[in-house]
Each structure stands twice: as structure tokens, then as C-alpha cells.
């Protein structure tokens, strides 16, 4: 009699476990579909970046691959241009167009200071991958650079800027000479301003 009761309890437990597993799988599929609907895949981003930069460097594809491995699929991107110069204290100014997967677009300007062991001048095109941005208006704030996030892949520079859950990953390819290391932030605004603070 005890064996019969134990067998029935075991069967009930297995049924409950399988039912719970099916419910979990049913919830994961729509979440994954929604994620894919609201984010860009790596192939689309590589294509956009190659068209924007006008050249297909091996470093560009590797840099994008690295960002995807570390951050996942972006909700949008910014295509823009930037000028920066530094002699210990640096300044950067840029402008671009934000495009989100949900269809929102916006004009964006950015400017900001940096301090460190830094010297030089460069003009670059910037293709920024955008993560966890709820709406286009949330881009308009200061984004500090993340310490230790700067890296170079075959002439292509990438670093991360983070504010709360929002992450920006600017990918730069440009002309000029600048060397060193620095810390700072970029302030993203609706209109151009020459005040770097």
C-alpha cells in the first residue's frame, strides 16, 4: 500500500515538474521573439557600420563582434562625427543621428572634457551601439566613460560609456594622432553647445 501511494506521489511530482517546465518554455519563446523584434542582430549592425565608414576593415568586424559578446544585441545606434584634442586636458565635440529599432530617431550632439596622460588631435567617424535605452529622449544626459573599457582592434577604437542601465559603445575610426589614457564623460544634448561641461 505504501509503495502504491509513493508511486502516485512521484508521478504527481513529475507531472507538476513537466507542467512547470512547459510553462517556463512557453514564456521564454515570446520574450526571445520580443527581444529580437526590438534589437539589432550582429549582421545588420556590421552592414550598417561598413556602409557608414565606407570601408570594410577586419578590425571593424572584430570590434563589433567583441561588443556583441560583451553587451549583446543593441536597441539602436548613432552614426556621427567627432573632433577631439588633448594636452593632458582634452575636449571632444560631436554630432550624429540616433536610430532605434522601434522606429524612433533623433539628432544628437555631444561634448565633454577628459583629464589624463593624453596628447594629440583626431577627427573621426563614430558609430555608437546603444543598449537599454527606453526612448530617444533618454539619450540626453551625461555618460561617464567606464574605466578600463578602451581597446583597439586593428586601428578601430572602442570604449564603453554607462549611465544606470544604459550603455553606449562608441566605435571610432579616424585620422589624426592621439595617444595616452584619460577619464571623462560625454554630455549628449538636443542642440549644439560649445560648453564642454
C-alpha atoms as a PDB file:
ATOM      1  CA  UNK A   1       0.000   0.000   0.000  1.00  0.00           C
ATOM      2  CA  UNK A   2       2.841   2.402   0.874  1.00  0.00           C
ATOM      3  CA  UNK A   3       4.563   1.645  -2.435  1.00  0.00           C
ATOM      4  CA  UNK A   4       1.368   2.480  -4.344  1.00  0.00           C
ATOM      5  CA  UNK A   5       0.990   5.837  -2.517  1.00  0.00           C
ATOM      6  CA  UNK A   6       4.684   6.664  -3.061  1.00  0.00           C
ATOM      7  CA  UNK A   7       4.424   5.818  -6.761  1.00  0.00           C
ATOM      8  CA  UNK A   8       1.375   8.069  -7.170  1.00  0.00           C
ATOM      9  CA  UNK A   9       3.109  10.946  -5.345  1.00  0.00           C
ATOM     10  CA  UNK A  10       6.175  10.523  -7.538  1.00  0.00           C
ATOM     11  CA  UNK A  11       4.022  10.535 -10.673  1.00  0.00           C
ATOM     12  CA  UNK A  12       2.193  13.668  -9.475  1.00  0.00           C
ATOM     13  CA  UNK A  13       5.505  15.388  -8.716  1.00  0.00           C
ATOM     14  CA  UNK A  14       6.848  14.505 -12.184  1.00  0.00           C
ATOM     15  CA  UNK A  15       3.671  15.817 -13.839  1.00  0.00           C
ATOM     16  CA  UNK A  16       3.901  19.075 -11.892  1.00  0.00           C
ATOM     17  CA  UNK A  17       7.578  19.443 -12.798  1.00  0.00           C
ATOM     18  CA  UNK A  18       6.890  18.829 -16.513  1.00  0.00           C
ATOM     19  CA  UNK A  19       3.949  21.239 -16.471  1.00  0.00           C
ATOM     20  CA  UNK A  20       6.127  23.910 -14.844  1.00  0.00           C
ATOM     21  CA  UNK A  21       8.854  23.294 -17.422  1.00  0.00           C
ATOM     22  CA  UNK A  22       6.377  23.664 -20.303  1.00  0.00           C
ATOM     23  CA  UNK A  23       5.009  26.915 -18.853  1.00  0.00           C
ATOM     24  CA  UNK A  24       8.566  28.282 -18.481  1.00  0.00           C
ATOM     25  CA  UNK A  25       9.461  27.364 -22.068  1.00  0.00           C
ATOM     26  CA  UNK A  26       6.240  28.959 -23.321  1.00  0.00           C
ATOM     27  CA  UNK A  27       7.232  32.227 -21.595  1.00  0.00           C
ATOM     28  CA  UNK A  28      10.822  32.195 -22.900  1.00  0.00           C
ATOM     29  CA  UNK A  29       9.837  31.918 -26.575  1.00  0.00           C
ATOM     30  CA  UNK A  30       7.771  35.169 -26.689  1.00  0.00           C
ATOM     31  CA  UNK A  31      10.466  37.013 -24.666  1.00  0.00           C
ATOM     32  CA  UNK A  32      13.126  35.927 -27.153  1.00  0.00           C
ATOM     33  CA  UNK A  33      10.889  36.933 -30.093  1.00  0.00           C
ATOM     34  CA  UNK A  34      10.224  40.332 -28.473  1.00  0.00           C
ATOM     35  CA  UNK A  35      13.969  40.794 -27.856  1.00  0.00           C
ATOM     36  CA  UNK A  36      14.755  40.023 -31.496  1.00  0.00           C
ATOM     37  CA  UNK A  37      11.981  42.370 -32.656  1.00  0.00           C
ATOM     38  CA  UNK A  38      13.301  45.280 -30.551  1.00  0.00           C
ATOM     39  CA  UNK A  39      17.052  44.793 -31.109  1.00  0.00           C
ATOM     40  CA  UNK A  40      19.517  44.603 -33.978  1.00  0.00           C
ATOM     41  CA  UNK A  41      21.353  41.423 -34.911  1.00  0.00           C
ATOM     42  CA  UNK A  42      25.105  41.425 -35.470  1.00  0.00           C
ATOM     43  CA  UNK A  43      24.894  41.007 -39.244  1.00  0.00           C
ATOM     44  CA  UNK A  44      22.663  44.102 -39.622  1.00  0.00           C
ATOM     45  CA  UNK A  45      24.983  46.196 -37.438  1.00  0.00           C
ATOM     46  CA  UNK A  46      28.115  45.115 -39.350  1.00  0.00           C
ATOM     47  CA  UNK A  47      26.384  46.046 -42.623  1.00  0.00           C
ATOM     48  CA  UNK A  48      25.297  49.481 -41.301  1.00  0.00           C
ATOM     49  CA  UNK A  49      28.776  50.184 -39.905  1.00  0.00           C
ATOM     50  CA  UNK A  50      30.557  49.180 -43.122  1.00  0.00           C
ATOM     51  CA  UNK A  51      28.259  51.402 -45.179  1.00  0.00           C
ATOM     52  CA  UNK A  52      28.778  54.280 -42.746  1.00  0.00           C
ATOM     53  CA  UNK A  53      32.578  54.056 -42.541  1.00  0.00           C
ATOM     54  CA  UNK A  54      32.864  53.422 -46.279  1.00  0.00           C
ATOM     55  CA  UNK A  55      35.415  50.700 -45.819  1.00  0.00           C
ATOM     56  CA  UNK A  56      35.353  47.121 -44.679  1.00  0.00           C
ATOM     57  CA  UNK A  57      38.228  46.674 -42.257  1.00  0.00           C
ATOM     58  CA  UNK A  58      38.828  43.422 -40.451  1.00  0.00           C
ATOM     59  CA  UNK A  59      39.166  45.426 -37.253  1.00  0.00           C
ATOM     60  CA  UNK A  60      35.655  46.863 -37.606  1.00  0.00           C
ATOM     61  CA  UNK A  61      34.005  43.435 -37.768  1.00  0.00           C
ATOM     62  CA  UNK A  62      36.147  42.204 -34.843  1.00  0.00           C
ATOM     63  CA  UNK A  63      35.299  45.270 -32.743  1.00  0.00           C
ATOM     64  CA  UNK A  64      31.566  44.781 -33.338  1.00  0.00           C
ATOM     65  CA  UNK A  65      31.883  41.078 -32.556  1.00  0.00           C
ATOM     66  CA  UNK A  66      33.625  41.930 -29.260  1.00  0.00           C
ATOM     67  CA  UNK A  67      30.899  44.400 -28.251  1.00  0.00           C
ATOM     68  CA  UNK A  68      28.164  41.864 -29.093  1.00  0.00           C
ATOM     69  CA  UNK A  69      29.900  39.229 -26.957  1.00  0.00           C
ATOM     70  CA  UNK A  70      30.141  41.613 -24.010  1.00  0.00           C
ATOM     71  CA  UNK A  71      26.859  43.533 -24.291  1.00  0.00           C
ATOM     72  CA  UNK A  72      24.501  41.507 -26.503  1.00  0.00           C
ATOM     73  CA  UNK A  73      22.091  42.909 -29.083  1.00  0.00           C
ATOM     74  CA  UNK A  74      21.707  46.732 -29.178  1.00  0.00           C
ATOM     75  CA  UNK A  75      18.385  48.581 -29.318  1.00  0.00           C
ATOM     76  CA  UNK A  76      19.864  51.233 -31.590  1.00  0.00           C
ATOM     77  CA  UNK A  77      22.886  53.046 -32.949  1.00  0.00           C
ATOM     78  CA  UNK A  78      24.232  56.555 -33.547  1.00  0.00           C
ATOM     79  CA  UNK A  79      26.059  57.483 -36.758  1.00  0.00           C
ATOM     80  CA  UNK A  80      28.156  60.598 -36.258  1.00  0.00           C
ATOM     81  CA  UNK A  81      31.395  62.565 -36.467  1.00  0.00           C
ATOM     82  CA  UNK A  82      33.689  63.776 -33.693  1.00  0.00           C
ATOM     83  CA  UNK A  83      36.628  66.145 -33.196  1.00  0.00           C
ATOM     84  CA  UNK A  84      38.827  65.853 -30.134  1.00  0.00           C
ATOM     85  CA  UNK A  85      42.092  67.301 -28.892  1.00  0.00           C
ATOM     86  CA  UNK A  86      44.112  66.996 -25.728  1.00  0.00           C
ATOM     87  CA  UNK A  87      47.205  68.204 -23.937  1.00  0.00           C
ATOM     88  CA  UNK A  88      46.615  66.498 -20.582  1.00  0.00           C
ATOM     89  CA  UNK A  89      43.147  68.109 -20.533  1.00  0.00           C
ATOM     90  CA  UNK A  90      41.071  67.147 -23.543  1.00  0.00           C
ATOM     91  CA  UNK A  91      37.851  68.235 -25.226  1.00  0.00           C
ATOM     92  CA  UNK A  92      35.579  66.323 -27.584  1.00  0.00           C
ATOM     93  CA  UNK A  93      32.710  67.584 -29.746  1.00  0.00           C
ATOM     94  CA  UNK A  94      30.450  65.534 -31.968  1.00  0.00           C
ATOM     95  CA  UNK A  95      27.119  65.249 -33.728  1.00  0.00           C
ATOM     96  CA  UNK A  96      25.106  62.394 -35.132  1.00  0.00           C
ATOM     97  CA  UNK A  97      21.779  60.695 -35.760  1.00  0.00           C
ATOM     98  CA  UNK A  98      20.233  58.224 -33.318  1.00  0.00           C
ATOM     99  CA  UNK A  99      18.190  55.356 -34.794  1.00  0.00           C
ATOM    100  CA  UNK A 100      16.298  52.957 -32.541  1.00  0.00           C
ATOM    101  CA  UNK A 101      14.926  49.599 -33.662  1.00  0.00           C
ATOM    102  CA  UNK A 102      11.438  50.708 -32.521  1.00  0.00           C
ATOM    103  CA  UNK A 103      11.490  53.383 -35.261  1.00  0.00           C
ATOM    104  CA  UNK A 104      12.367  56.432 -33.145  1.00  0.00           C
ATOM    105  CA  UNK A 105      15.053  58.767 -34.499  1.00  0.00           C
ATOM    106  CA  UNK A 106      16.699  61.913 -33.127  1.00  0.00           C
ATOM    107  CA  UNK A 107      19.504  64.363 -33.817  1.00  0.00           C
ATOM    108  CA  UNK A 108      22.189  64.152 -31.103  1.00  0.00           C
ATOM    109  CA  UNK A 109      25.111  66.401 -30.175  1.00  0.00           C
ATOM    110  CA  UNK A 110      27.771  65.547 -27.626  1.00  0.00           C
ATOM    111  CA  UNK A 111      30.630  67.319 -25.909  1.00  0.00           C
ATOM    112  CA  UNK A 112      32.787  66.620 -22.934  1.00  0.00           C
ATOM    113  CA  UNK A 113      36.074  67.013 -21.099  1.00  0.00           C
ATOM    114  CA  UNK A 114      38.728  64.457 -20.242  1.00  0.00           C
ATOM    115  CA  UNK A 115      41.774  64.506 -17.974  1.00  0.00           C
ATOM    116  CA  UNK A 116      44.798  62.217 -18.007  1.00  0.00           C
ATOM    117  CA  UNK A 117      48.029  61.354 -19.749  1.00  0.00           C
ATOM    118  CA  UNK A 118      46.719  62.294 -23.158  1.00  0.00           C
ATOM    119  CA  UNK A 119      48.176  64.200 -26.112  1.00  0.00           C
ATOM    120  CA  UNK A 120      47.092  64.833 -29.694  1.00  0.00           C
ATOM    121  CA  UNK A 121      44.238  65.637 -32.071  1.00  0.00           C
ATOM    122  CA  UNK A 122      41.909  63.477 -34.114  1.00  0.00           C
ATOM    123  CA  UNK A 123      38.837  63.705 -36.321  1.00  0.00           C
ATOM    124  CA  UNK A 124      36.826  60.527 -36.532  1.00  0.00           C
ATOM    125  CA  UNK A 125      33.630  58.945 -37.671  1.00  0.00           C
ATOM    126  CA  UNK A 126      31.791  57.379 -34.739  1.00  0.00           C
ATOM    127  CA  UNK A 127      29.317  54.502 -34.872  1.00  0.00           C
ATOM    128  CA  UNK A 128      27.839  54.039 -31.393  1.00  0.00           C
ATOM    129  CA  UNK A 129      25.915  50.942 -30.357  1.00  0.00           C
ATOM    130  CA  UNK A 130      23.127  51.794 -27.889  1.00  0.00           C
ATOM    131  CA  UNK A 131      21.876  49.416 -25.168  1.00  0.00           C
ATOM    132  CA  UNK A 132      18.872  49.534 -22.803  1.00  0.00           C
ATOM    133  CA  UNK A 133      17.631  52.936 -23.984  1.00  0.00           C
ATOM    134  CA  UNK A 134      13.864  53.050 -23.245  1.00  0.00           C
ATOM    135  CA  UNK A 135      13.172  56.010 -25.569  1.00  0.00           C
ATOM    136  CA  UNK A 136      15.092  58.506 -27.686  1.00  0.00           C
ATOM    137  CA  UNK A 137      14.752  61.231 -25.017  1.00  0.00           C
ATOM    138  CA  UNK A 138      16.736  59.174 -22.502  1.00  0.00           C
ATOM    139  CA  UNK A 139      19.928  59.719 -24.542  1.00  0.00           C
ATOM    140  CA  UNK A 140      20.084  63.376 -23.425  1.00  0.00           C
ATOM    141  CA  UNK A 141      22.275  63.136 -20.320  1.00  0.00           C
ATOM    142  CA  UNK A 142      25.913  62.747 -19.229  1.00  0.00           C
ATOM    143  CA  UNK A 143      27.593  59.377 -19.793  1.00  0.00           C
ATOM    144  CA  UNK A 144      30.859  58.734 -17.939  1.00  0.00           C
ATOM    145  CA  UNK A 145      33.453  56.520 -19.557  1.00  0.00           C
ATOM    146  CA  UNK A 146      33.874  53.113 -17.970  1.00  0.00           C
ATOM    147  CA  UNK A 147      37.370  52.674 -16.539  1.00  0.00           C
ATOM    148  CA  UNK A 148      39.469  50.179 -18.452  1.00  0.00           C
ATOM    149  CA  UNK A 149      36.977  49.812 -21.295  1.00  0.00           C
ATOM    150  CA  UNK A 150      39.093  51.346 -24.061  1.00  0.00           C
ATOM    151  CA  UNK A 151      40.553  48.877 -26.538  1.00  0.00           C
ATOM    152  CA  UNK A 152      41.870  48.913 -30.089  1.00  0.00           C
ATOM    153  CA  UNK A 153      41.254  46.270 -32.740  1.00  0.00           C
ATOM    154  CA  UNK A 154      43.306  46.754 -35.932  1.00  0.00           C
ATOM    155  CA  UNK A 155      43.015  50.557 -35.868  1.00  0.00           C
ATOM    156  CA  UNK A 156      39.412  50.672 -34.638  1.00  0.00           C
ATOM    157  CA  UNK A 157      38.868  52.131 -31.155  1.00  0.00           C
ATOM    158  CA  UNK A 158      36.004  51.097 -28.864  1.00  0.00           C
ATOM    159  CA  UNK A 159      35.078  52.108 -25.331  1.00  0.00           C
ATOM    160  CA  UNK A 160      32.004  51.947 -23.095  1.00  0.00           C
ATOM    161  CA  UNK A 161      30.024  54.755 -21.502  1.00  0.00           C
ATOM    162  CA  UNK A 162      27.438  53.859 -18.867  1.00  0.00           C
ATOM    163  CA  UNK A 163      24.660  55.688 -17.043  1.00  0.00           C
ATOM    164  CA  UNK A 164      22.473  53.454 -14.853  1.00  0.00           C
ATOM    165  CA  UNK A 165      21.382  50.585 -17.155  1.00  0.00           C
ATOM    166  CA  UNK A 166      22.034  52.482 -20.412  1.00  0.00           C
ATOM    167  CA  UNK A 167      25.295  51.545 -22.142  1.00  0.00           C
ATOM    168  CA  UNK A 168      26.835  53.293 -25.143  1.00  0.00           C
ATOM    169  CA  UNK A 169      29.653  51.665 -27.116  1.00  0.00           C
ATOM    170  CA  UNK A 170      31.261  54.218 -29.477  1.00  0.00           C
ATOM    171  CA  UNK A 171      33.335  52.642 -32.264  1.00  0.00           C
ATOM    172  CA  UNK A 172      35.779  55.169 -33.755  1.00  0.00           C
ATOM    173  CA  UNK A 173      37.707  55.086 -36.989  1.00  0.00           C
ATOM    174  CA  UNK A 174      39.517  58.276 -37.905  1.00  0.00           C
ATOM    175  CA  UNK A 175      42.519  60.335 -38.854  1.00  0.00           C
ATOM    176  CA  UNK A 176      44.943  62.138 -36.602  1.00  0.00           C
ATOM    177  CA  UNK A 177      47.358  61.381 -33.833  1.00  0.00           C
ATOM    178  CA  UNK A 178      46.400  60.966 -30.216  1.00  0.00           C
ATOM    179  CA  UNK A 179      47.987  58.821 -27.564  1.00  0.00           C
ATOM    180  CA  UNK A 180      47.617  58.216 -23.865  1.00  0.00           C
ATOM    181  CA  UNK A 181      44.891  57.409 -21.379  1.00  0.00           C
ATOM    182  CA  UNK A 182      42.251  59.626 -19.833  1.00  0.00           C
ATOM    183  CA  UNK A 183      38.983  59.673 -17.920  1.00  0.00           C
ATOM    184  CA  UNK A 184      35.989  61.871 -18.605  1.00  0.00           C
ATOM    185  CA  UNK A 185      32.407  61.947 -19.779  1.00  0.00           C
ATOM    186  CA  UNK A 186      30.316  62.981 -22.749  1.00  0.00           C
ATOM    187  CA  UNK A 187      27.180  65.078 -22.377  1.00  0.00           C
ATOM    188  CA  UNK A 188      24.573  64.224 -25.038  1.00  0.00           C
ATOM    189  CA  UNK A 189      22.281  67.164 -25.889  1.00  0.00           C
ATOM    190  CA  UNK A 190      19.446  68.102 -28.262  1.00  0.00           C
ATOM    191  CA  UNK A 191      21.277  71.200 -29.549  1.00  0.00           C
ATOM    192  CA  UNK A 192      24.881  72.056 -30.269  1.00  0.00           C
ATOM    193  CA  UNK A 193      26.715  73.755 -27.430  1.00  0.00           C
ATOM    194  CA  UNK A 194      30.380  74.685 -27.065  1.00  0.00           C
ATOM    195  CA  UNK A 195      30.318  74.408 -23.281  1.00  0.00           C
ATOM    196  CA  UNK A 196      32.025  71.040 -22.668  1.00  0.00           C
ATOM    197  CA  UNK A 197      30.663  70.800 -19.110  1.00  0.00           C
END
